[in-house]
């Protein structure tokens, strides 16, 4: 049975309203509560890589959010096989 637990870094706004989604070449800030948005959540191996993504490269549709409004947080990703 498959059981994977990983620690990764993601990008969210400090007010926890938006999250970084998309693919490395097309990054977007999407509302966290938008369940219809099917873009994948961007994950990073380290805090430095995550911070570089929003400080150096930025995102489409960032609107009111600037790099200083964002932060990288560590999350635990769990995957379990369903039988």
Protein backbone atom coordinates (compact mmCIF):
# COMPACT_ATOMS: atom_id res chain seq x y z
CA UNK A 1 0.00 0.00 0.00
CA UNK A 2 1.26 3.44 -0.94
CA UNK A 3 1.78 5.92 1.89
CA UNK A 4 3.85 9.09 1.28
CA UNK A 5 4.43 12.05 3.61
CA UNK A 6 6.55 14.98 2.44
CA UNK A 7 7.36 18.42 3.76
CA UNK A 8 7.20 21.11 1.05
CA UNK A 9 7.00 24.90 0.86
CA UNK A 10 4.10 26.81 -0.68
CA UNK A 11 3.38 30.50 -1.25
CA UNK A 12 0.42 32.19 0.43
CA UNK A 13 -0.52 35.75 1.26
CA UNK A 14 0.03 36.86 4.83
CA UNK A 15 -3.74 37.34 5.17
CA UNK A 16 -4.23 33.74 3.89
CA UNK A 17 -6.60 34.80 1.10
CA UNK A 18 -4.56 33.69 -1.95
CA UNK A 19 -2.20 30.84 -2.78
CA UNK A 20 0.34 30.30 -5.58
CA UNK A 21 -0.99 27.94 -8.25
CA UNK A 22 -0.28 26.98 -11.85
CA UNK A 23 2.90 25.70 -13.49
CA UNK A 24 6.42 27.15 -13.24
CA UNK A 25 6.05 29.22 -16.41
CA UNK A 26 2.48 30.36 -15.73
CA UNK A 27 2.03 31.20 -12.07
CA UNK A 28 -1.15 32.69 -10.64
CA UNK A 29 -2.38 33.90 -7.29
CA UNK A 30 -5.74 32.24 -6.73
CA UNK A 31 -8.21 32.58 -3.90
CA UNK A 32 -7.79 29.78 -1.38
CA UNK A 33 -11.55 29.35 -1.00
CA UNK A 34 -12.19 28.98 -4.78
CA UNK A 35 -13.06 25.26 -5.02
CA UNK A 36 -13.75 25.48 -8.77
CA UNK A 37 -10.15 26.49 -9.56
CA UNK A 38 -8.37 23.29 -10.63
CA UNK A 39 -4.84 24.66 -11.09
CA UNK A 40 -2.25 22.74 -9.14
CA UNK A 41 -0.70 24.24 -6.02
CA UNK A 42 2.91 25.16 -6.64
CA UNK A 43 5.26 23.42 -4.21
CA UNK A 44 8.94 24.05 -3.62
CA UNK A 45 11.72 21.98 -2.04
CA UNK A 46 13.07 24.81 0.11
CA UNK A 47 12.07 28.13 1.61
CA UNK A 48 14.67 29.93 -0.52
CA UNK A 49 13.23 28.51 -3.76
CA UNK A 50 9.69 29.44 -2.73
CA UNK A 51 10.70 32.98 -1.80
CA UNK A 52 12.58 33.39 -5.05
CA UNK A 53 9.43 32.46 -6.96
CA UNK A 54 7.41 35.40 -5.63
CA UNK A 55 10.21 37.93 -5.15
CA UNK A 56 12.06 37.51 -8.46
CA UNK A 57 9.50 36.09 -10.89
CA UNK A 58 6.13 37.15 -9.52
CA UNK A 59 2.69 35.97 -10.61
CA UNK A 60 -0.05 36.78 -13.10
CA UNK A 61 -3.23 38.35 -11.74
CA UNK A 62 -1.43 39.46 -8.59
CA UNK A 63 -3.70 42.51 -8.25
CA UNK A 64 -3.30 44.11 -4.87
CA UNK A 65 -0.65 41.65 -3.66
CA UNK A 66 3.00 42.68 -3.72
CA UNK A 67 5.99 40.50 -2.80
CA UNK A 68 6.02 41.91 0.74
CA UNK A 69 2.41 40.71 1.17
CA UNK A 70 3.40 37.10 0.49
CA UNK A 71 5.24 34.47 2.50
CA UNK A 72 6.54 30.94 2.10
CA UNK A 73 5.16 28.43 4.58
CA UNK A 74 6.07 24.81 5.23
CA UNK A 75 3.29 22.27 4.73
CA UNK A 76 2.98 18.52 5.06
CA UNK A 77 1.67 16.70 1.98
CA UNK A 78 0.18 13.26 2.57
CA UNK A 79 -0.78 10.71 -0.07
CA UNK A 80 -2.38 7.37 0.65
CA UNK A 81 -3.53 4.73 -1.77
CA UNK A 82 -7.29 4.20 -1.83
CA UNK A 83 -8.37 0.60 -2.21
